[in-house]
Amino acid sequence: MPHPPGARLQMKMSKVALPGGPTTPLPEYGLRGAILENAGGDVYVKMTGPETVVKAATPAFKEMVRDAAHPPGR
């Protein structure tokens, strides 16, 4: 699937998550991430949560990545 221009990498995963802190498995969790290239340093963006929530929020995530990579007026 193509990713927004300016995003070097965009990834999507579904798995049992083991977040930082106590390692309690979180089944059916999703992850979506992107790396935005920037002359001042790359910016890493990650969204995690229940898979259904991540899936529902994916269009807004992609829009945010696209807008961050190419802000209006630039």
PDB file of N, CA and C in Angstrom:
ATOM      1  N   MET A   1       0.847  -1.167   0.000  1.00  0.00           N
ATOM      2  CA  MET A   1       0.000   0.000   0.000  1.00  0.00           C
ATOM      3  C   MET A   1       0.898   1.237   0.000  1.00  0.00           C
ATOM      4  N   PRO A   2       0.663   2.197  -0.906  1.00  0.00           N
ATOM      5  CA  PRO A   2       1.500   3.404  -0.918  1.00  0.00           C
ATOM      6  C   PRO A   2       1.309   4.215   0.357  1.00  0.00           C
ATOM      7  N   HIS A   3       2.354   4.910   0.739  1.00  0.00           N
ATOM      8  CA  HIS A   3       2.282   5.748   1.936  1.00  0.00           C
ATOM      9  C   HIS A   3       2.362   7.212   1.530  1.00  0.00           C
ATOM     10  N   PRO A   4       1.972   8.111   2.409  1.00  0.00           N
ATOM     11  CA  PRO A   4       1.985   9.532   2.085  1.00  0.00           C
ATOM     12  C   PRO A   4       3.385  10.007   1.711  1.00  0.00           C
ATOM     13  N   PRO A   5       3.505  10.907   0.723  1.00  0.00           N
ATOM     14  CA  PRO A   5       4.805  11.457   0.366  1.00  0.00           C
ATOM     15  C   PRO A   5       5.474  12.078   1.591  1.00  0.00           C
ATOM     16  N   GLY A   6       6.776  11.903   1.706  1.00  0.00           N
ATOM     17  CA  GLY A   6       7.516  12.459   2.830  1.00  0.00           C
ATOM     18  C   GLY A   6       7.628  11.494   3.995  1.00  0.00           C
ATOM     19  N   ALA A   7       6.860  10.426   3.965  1.00  0.00           N
ATOM     20  CA  ALA A   7       6.983   9.391   4.993  1.00  0.00           C
ATOM     21  C   ALA A   7       7.907   8.321   4.427  1.00  0.00           C
ATOM     22  N   ARG A   8       9.024   8.127   5.077  1.00  0.00           N
ATOM     23  CA  ARG A   8      10.002   7.164   4.583  1.00  0.00           C
ATOM     24  C   ARG A   8       9.504   5.743   4.772  1.00  0.00           C
ATOM     25  N   LEU A   9       8.800   5.519   5.835  1.00  0.00           N
ATOM     26  CA  LEU A   9       8.332   4.178   6.143  1.00  0.00           C
ATOM     27  C   LEU A   9       7.005   4.292   6.857  1.00  0.00           C
ATOM     28  N   GLN A  10       6.104   3.445   6.463  1.00  0.00           N
ATOM     29  CA  GLN A  10       4.856   3.358   7.214  1.00  0.00           C
ATOM     30  C   GLN A  10       4.606   1.886   7.448  1.00  0.00           C
ATOM     31  N   MET A  11       4.240   1.524   8.660  1.00  0.00           N
ATOM     32  CA  MET A  11       4.044   0.116   8.947  1.00  0.00           C
ATOM     33  C   MET A  11       2.738  -0.113   9.677  1.00  0.00           C
ATOM     34  N   LYS A  12       2.269  -1.332   9.539  1.00  0.00           N
ATOM     35  CA  LYS A  12       1.028  -1.737  10.191  1.00  0.00           C
ATOM     36  C   LYS A  12       1.249  -3.140  10.728  1.00  0.00           C
ATOM     37  N   MET A  13       0.843  -3.375  11.953  1.00  0.00           N
ATOM     38  CA  MET A  13       1.004  -4.691  12.555  1.00  0.00           C
ATOM     39  C   MET A  13      -0.207  -5.021  13.405  1.00  0.00           C
ATOM     40  N   SER A  14      -0.469  -6.286  13.536  1.00  0.00           N
ATOM     41  CA  SER A  14      -1.438  -6.783  14.507  1.00  0.00           C
ATOM     42  C   SER A  14      -0.739  -7.904  15.250  1.00  0.00           C
ATOM     43  N   LYS A  15      -0.812  -7.872  16.570  1.00  0.00           N
ATOM     44  CA  LYS A  15      -0.091  -8.872  17.348  1.00  0.00           C
ATOM     45  C   LYS A  15      -0.566  -8.839  18.789  1.00  0.00           C
ATOM     46  N   VAL A  16       0.024  -9.670  19.581  1.00  0.00           N
ATOM     47  CA  VAL A  16      -0.141  -9.565  21.027  1.00  0.00           C
ATOM     48  C   VAL A  16       0.920  -8.583  21.479  1.00  0.00           C
ATOM     49  N   ALA A  17       0.512  -7.459  22.024  1.00  0.00           N
ATOM     50  CA  ALA A  17       1.449  -6.402  22.403  1.00  0.00           C
ATOM     51  C   ALA A  17       1.982  -6.636  23.811  1.00  0.00           C
ATOM     52  N   LEU A  18       3.242  -6.278  24.009  1.00  0.00           N
ATOM     53  CA  LEU A  18       3.874  -6.289  25.330  1.00  0.00           C
ATOM     54  C   LEU A  18       4.486  -4.913  25.535  1.00  0.00           C
ATOM     55  N   PRO A  19       3.681  -3.924  25.951  1.00  0.00           N
ATOM     56  CA  PRO A  19       4.191  -2.563  26.093  1.00  0.00           C
ATOM     57  C   PRO A  19       5.214  -2.462  27.217  1.00  0.00           C
ATOM     58  N   GLY A  20       5.910  -1.311  27.287  1.00  0.00           N
ATOM     59  CA  GLY A  20       6.876  -1.083  28.353  1.00  0.00           C
ATOM     60  C   GLY A  20       6.213  -1.205  29.715  1.00  0.00           C
ATOM     61  N   GLY A  21       7.008  -1.437  30.705  1.00  0.00           N
ATOM     62  CA  GLY A  21       6.462  -1.634  32.048  1.00  0.00           C
ATOM     63  C   GLY A  21       6.128  -3.094  32.249  1.00  0.00           C
ATOM     64  N   PRO A  22       5.093  -3.384  33.005  1.00  0.00           N
ATOM     65  CA  PRO A  22       4.727  -4.784  33.226  1.00  0.00           C
ATOM     66  C   PRO A  22       4.428  -5.468  31.890  1.00  0.00           C
ATOM     67  N   THR A  23       4.934  -6.655  31.706  1.00  0.00           N
ATOM     68  CA  THR A  23       4.759  -7.352  30.432  1.00  0.00           C
ATOM     69  C   THR A  23       3.516  -8.233  30.464  1.00  0.00           C
ATOM     70  N   THR A  24       2.380  -7.584  30.448  1.00  0.00           N
ATOM     71  CA  THR A  24       1.099  -8.275  30.383  1.00  0.00           C
ATOM     72  C   THR A  24       0.657  -8.296  28.926  1.00  0.00           C
ATOM     73  N   PRO A  25       0.527  -9.478  28.318  1.00  0.00           N
ATOM     74  CA  PRO A  25       0.126  -9.540  26.912  1.00  0.00           C
ATOM     75  C   PRO A  25      -1.216  -8.837  26.674  1.00  0.00           C
ATOM     76  N   LEU A  26      -1.284  -8.114  25.580  1.00  0.00           N
ATOM     77  CA  LEU A  26      -2.513  -7.430  25.173  1.00  0.00           C
ATOM     78  C   LEU A  26      -2.927  -8.003  23.821  1.00  0.00           C
ATOM     79  N   PRO A  27      -3.747  -9.056  23.805  1.00  0.00           N
ATOM     80  CA  PRO A  27      -4.118  -9.681  22.542  1.00  0.00           C
ATOM     81  C   PRO A  27      -4.932  -8.742  21.660  1.00  0.00           C
ATOM     82  N   GLU A  28      -4.802  -8.971  20.361  1.00  0.00           N
ATOM     83  CA  GLU A  28      -5.547  -8.225  19.346  1.00  0.00           C
ATOM     84  C   GLU A  28      -5.287  -6.732  19.422  1.00  0.00           C
ATOM     85  N   TYR A  29      -4.029  -6.370  19.650  1.00  0.00           N
ATOM     86  CA  TYR A  29      -3.620  -4.972  19.613  1.00  0.00           C
ATOM     87  C   TYR A  29      -2.993  -4.690  18.266  1.00  0.00           C
ATOM     88  N   GLY A  30      -3.110  -3.461  17.800  1.00  0.00           N
ATOM     89  CA  GLY A  30      -2.546  -3.067  16.526  1.00  0.00           C
ATOM     90  C   GLY A  30      -1.530  -1.957  16.701  1.00  0.00           C
ATOM     91  N   LEU A  31      -0.723  -1.761  15.676  1.00  0.00           N
ATOM     92  CA  LEU A  31       0.282  -0.705  15.660  1.00  0.00           C
ATOM     93  C   LEU A  31       0.337  -0.128  14.265  1.00  0.00           C
ATOM     94  N   ARG A  32       0.419   1.172  14.168  1.00  0.00           N
ATOM     95  CA  ARG A  32       0.672   1.848  12.898  1.00  0.00           C
ATOM     96  C   ARG A  32       1.736   2.881  13.194  1.00  0.00           C
ATOM     97  N   GLY A  33       2.741   2.949  12.330  1.00  0.00           N
ATOM     98  CA  GLY A  33       3.833   3.882  12.565  1.00  0.00           C
ATOM     99  C   GLY A  33       4.334   4.496  11.278  1.00  0.00           C
ATOM    100  N   ALA A  34       5.046   5.594  11.414  1.00  0.00           N
ATOM    101  CA  ALA A  34       5.648   6.276  10.271  1.00  0.00           C
ATOM    102  C   ALA A  34       6.906   6.987  10.742  1.00  0.00           C
ATOM    103  N   ILE A  35       7.846   7.149   9.818  1.00  0.00           N
ATOM    104  CA  ILE A  35       9.047   7.940  10.074  1.00  0.00           C
ATOM    105  C   ILE A  35       9.014   9.108   9.097  1.00  0.00           C
ATOM    106  N   LEU A  36       8.998  10.320   9.627  1.00  0.00           N
ATOM    107  CA  LEU A  36       8.970  11.525   8.801  1.00  0.00           C
ATOM    108  C   LEU A  36      10.384  12.075   8.720  1.00  0.00           C
ATOM    109  N   GLU A  37      10.893  12.211   7.506  1.00  0.00           N
ATOM    110  CA  GLU A  37      12.226  12.766   7.320  1.00  0.00           C
ATOM    111  C   GLU A  37      12.174  14.271   7.486  1.00  0.00           C
ATOM    112  N   ASN A  38      13.158  14.802   8.196  1.00  0.00           N
ATOM    113  CA  ASN A  38      13.213  16.229   8.464  1.00  0.00           C
ATOM    114  C   ASN A  38      14.672  16.631   8.518  1.00  0.00           C
ATOM    115  N   ALA A  39      15.007  17.778   7.950  1.00  0.00           N
ATOM    116  CA  ALA A  39      16.394  18.247   7.960  1.00  0.00           C
ATOM    117  C   ALA A  39      16.923  18.389   9.383  1.00  0.00           C
ATOM    118  N   GLY A  40      16.060  18.716  10.331  1.00  0.00           N
ATOM    119  CA  GLY A  40      16.473  18.872  11.725  1.00  0.00           C
ATOM    120  C   GLY A  40      16.503  17.561  12.495  1.00  0.00           C
ATOM    121  N   GLY A  41      16.131  16.473  11.855  1.00  0.00           N
ATOM    122  CA  GLY A  41      16.089  15.158  12.502  1.00  0.00           C
ATOM    123  C   GLY A  41      14.777  14.468  12.189  1.00  0.00           C
ATOM    124  N   ASP A  42      14.832  13.176  12.088  1.00  0.00           N
ATOM    125  CA  ASP A  42      13.635  12.413  11.770  1.00  0.00           C
ATOM    126  C   ASP A  42      12.656  12.423  12.943  1.00  0.00           C
ATOM    127  N   VAL A  43      11.380  12.315  12.610  1.00  0.00           N
ATOM    128  CA  VAL A  43      10.321  12.269  13.615  1.00  0.00           C
ATOM    129  C   VAL A  43       9.642  10.904  13.484  1.00  0.00           C
ATOM    130  N   TYR A  44       9.549  10.198  14.601  1.00  0.00           N
ATOM    131  CA  TYR A  44       8.933   8.876  14.632  1.00  0.00           C
ATOM    132  C   TYR A  44       7.546   9.005  15.258  1.00  0.00           C
ATOM    133  N   VAL A  45       6.546   8.487  14.557  1.00  0.00           N
ATOM    134  CA  VAL A  45       5.163   8.576  15.012  1.00  0.00           C
ATOM    135  C   VAL A  45       4.620   7.153  15.135  1.00  0.00           C
ATOM    136  N   LYS A  46       3.975   6.860  16.253  1.00  0.00           N
ATOM    137  CA  LYS A  46       3.442   5.514  16.469  1.00  0.00           C
ATOM    138  C   LYS A  46       2.069   5.615  17.121  1.00  0.00           C
ATOM    139  N   MET A  47       1.162   4.769  16.652  1.00  0.00           N
ATOM    140  CA  MET A  47      -0.162   4.664  17.257  1.00  0.00           C
ATOM    141  C   MET A  47      -0.374   3.194  17.614  1.00  0.00           C
ATOM    142  N   THR A  48      -0.705   2.918  18.865  1.00  0.00           N
ATOM    143  CA  THR A  48      -1.013   1.557  19.287  1.00  0.00           C
ATOM    144  C   THR A  48      -2.326   1.561  20.051  1.00  0.00           C
ATOM    145  N   GLY A  49      -2.989   0.438  20.045  1.00  0.00           N
ATOM    146  CA  GLY A  49      -4.237   0.297  20.779  1.00  0.00           C
ATOM    147  C   GLY A  49      -4.958  -0.951  20.321  1.00  0.00           C
ATOM    148  N   PRO A  50      -6.158  -1.157  20.805  1.00  0.00           N
ATOM    149  CA  PRO A  50      -6.935  -2.298  20.333  1.00  0.00           C
ATOM    150  C   PRO A  50      -7.022  -2.252  18.803  1.00  0.00           C
ATOM    151  N   GLU A  51      -6.872  -3.411  18.179  1.00  0.00           N
ATOM    152  CA  GLU A  51      -6.809  -3.475  16.720  1.00  0.00           C
ATOM    153  C   GLU A  51      -7.986  -2.774  16.046  1.00  0.00           C
ATOM    154  N   THR A  52      -9.188  -2.920  16.583  1.00  0.00           N
ATOM    155  CA  THR A  52     -10.354  -2.283  15.965  1.00  0.00           C
ATOM    156  C   THR A  52     -10.254  -0.758  16.030  1.00  0.00           C
ATOM    157  N   VAL A  53      -9.712  -0.233  17.123  1.00  0.00           N
ATOM    158  CA  VAL A  53      -9.557   1.220  17.272  1.00  0.00           C
ATOM    159  C   VAL A  53      -8.478   1.729  16.326  1.00  0.00           C
ATOM    160  N   VAL A  54      -7.347   1.017  16.251  1.00  0.00           N
ATOM    161  CA  VAL A  54      -6.262   1.418  15.349  1.00  0.00           C
ATOM    162  C   VAL A  54      -6.755   1.403  13.905  1.00  0.00           C
ATOM    163  N   LYS A  55      -7.491   0.362  13.541  1.00  0.00           N
ATOM    164  CA  LYS A  55      -8.015   0.270  12.175  1.00  0.00           C
ATOM    165  C   LYS A  55      -8.960   1.432  11.876  1.00  0.00           C
ATOM    166  N   ALA A  56      -9.844   1.753  12.813  1.00  0.00           N
ATOM    167  CA  ALA A  56     -10.794   2.852  12.611  1.00  0.00           C
ATOM    168  C   ALA A  56     -10.088   4.204  12.532  1.00  0.00           C
ATOM    169  N   ALA A  57      -8.974   4.363  13.243  1.00  0.00           N
ATOM    170  CA  ALA A  57      -8.250   5.641  13.272  1.00  0.00           C
ATOM    171  C   ALA A  57      -7.210   5.755  12.162  1.00  0.00           C
ATOM    172  N   THR A  58      -7.025   4.704  11.353  1.00  0.00           N
ATOM    173  CA  THR A  58      -5.992   4.723  10.318  1.00  0.00           C
ATOM    174  C   THR A  58      -6.165   5.859   9.313  1.00  0.00           C
ATOM    175  N   PRO A  59      -7.360   6.148   8.795  1.00  0.00           N
ATOM    176  CA  PRO A  59      -7.470   7.278   7.862  1.00  0.00           C
ATOM    177  C   PRO A  59      -7.005   8.601   8.485  1.00  0.00           C
ATOM    178  N   ALA A  60      -7.358   8.858   9.732  1.00  0.00           N
ATOM    179  CA  ALA A  60      -6.916  10.089  10.403  1.00  0.00           C
ATOM    180  C   ALA A  60      -5.409  10.067  10.626  1.00  0.00           C
ATOM    181  N   PHE A  61      -4.844   8.905  10.943  1.00  0.00           N
ATOM    182  CA  PHE A  61      -3.394   8.773  11.125  1.00  0.00           C
ATOM    183  C   PHE A  61      -2.677   9.112   9.815  1.00  0.00           C
ATOM    184  N   LYS A  62      -3.157   8.543   8.709  1.00  0.00           N
ATOM    185  CA  LYS A  62      -2.540   8.815   7.402  1.00  0.00           C
ATOM    186  C   LYS A  62      -2.633  10.297   7.055  1.00  0.00           C
ATOM    187  N   GLU A  63      -3.767  10.912   7.337  1.00  0.00           N
ATOM    188  CA  GLU A  63      -3.931  12.340   7.067  1.00  0.00           C
ATOM    189  C   GLU A  63      -2.950  13.159   7.907  1.00  0.00           C
ATOM    190  N   MET A  64      -2.788  12.797   9.174  1.00  0.00           N
ATOM    191  CA  MET A  64      -1.845  13.499  10.044  1.00  0.00           C
ATOM    192  C   MET A  64      -0.415  13.361   9.520  1.00  0.00           C
ATOM    193  N   VAL A  65      -0.044  12.155   9.085  1.00  0.00           N
ATOM    194  CA  VAL A  65       1.302  11.935   8.541  1.00  0.00           C
ATOM    195  C   VAL A  65       1.493  12.758   7.270  1.00  0.00           C
ATOM    196  N   ARG A  66       0.503  12.748   6.394  1.00  0.00           N
ATOM    197  CA  ARG A  66       0.587  13.514   5.145  1.00  0.00           C
ATOM    198  C   ARG A  66       0.716  15.009   5.442  1.00  0.00           C
ATOM    199  N   ASP A  67      -0.097  15.524   6.373  1.00  0.00           N
ATOM    200  CA  ASP A  67      -0.043  16.947   6.714  1.00  0.00           C
ATOM    201  C   ASP A  67       1.273  17.315   7.387  1.00  0.00           C
ATOM    202  N   ALA A  68       1.804  16.429   8.219  1.00  0.00           N
ATOM    203  CA  ALA A  68       3.084  16.701   8.879  1.00  0.00           C
ATOM    204  C   ALA A  68       4.231  16.673   7.879  1.00  0.00           C
ATOM    205  N   ALA A  69       4.145  15.787   6.886  1.00  0.00           N
ATOM    206  CA  ALA A  69       5.204  15.682   5.883  1.00  0.00           C
ATOM    207  C   ALA A  69       5.174  16.859   4.913  1.00  0.00           C
ATOM    208  N   HIS A  70       3.995  17.362   4.634  1.00  0.00           N
ATOM    209  CA  HIS A  70       3.829  18.466   3.678  1.00  0.00           C
ATOM    210  C   HIS A  70       2.808  19.461   4.218  1.00  0.00           C
ATOM    211  N   PRO A  71       3.204  20.296   5.193  1.00  0.00           N
ATOM    212  CA  PRO A  71       2.253  21.262   5.754  1.00  0.00           C
ATOM    213  C   PRO A  71       1.729  22.213   4.679  1.00  0.00           C
ATOM    214  N   PRO A  72       0.464  22.622   4.768  1.00  0.00           N
ATOM    215  CA  PRO A  72      -0.080  23.588   3.811  1.00  0.00           C
ATOM    216  C   PRO A  72       0.756  24.868   3.806  1.00  0.00           C
ATOM    217  N   GLY A  73       0.941  25.430   2.634  1.00  0.00           N
ATOM    218  CA  GLY A  73       1.692  26.680   2.519  1.00  0.00           C
ATOM    219  C   GLY A  73       3.197  26.492   2.428  1.00  0.00           C
ATOM    220  N   ARG A  74       3.661  25.242   2.398  1.00  0.00           N
ATOM    221  CA  ARG A  74       5.102  25.009   2.252  1.00  0.00           C
ATOM    222  C   ARG A  74       5.407  24.399   0.939  1.00  0.00           C
TER     223      ARG A  74
END
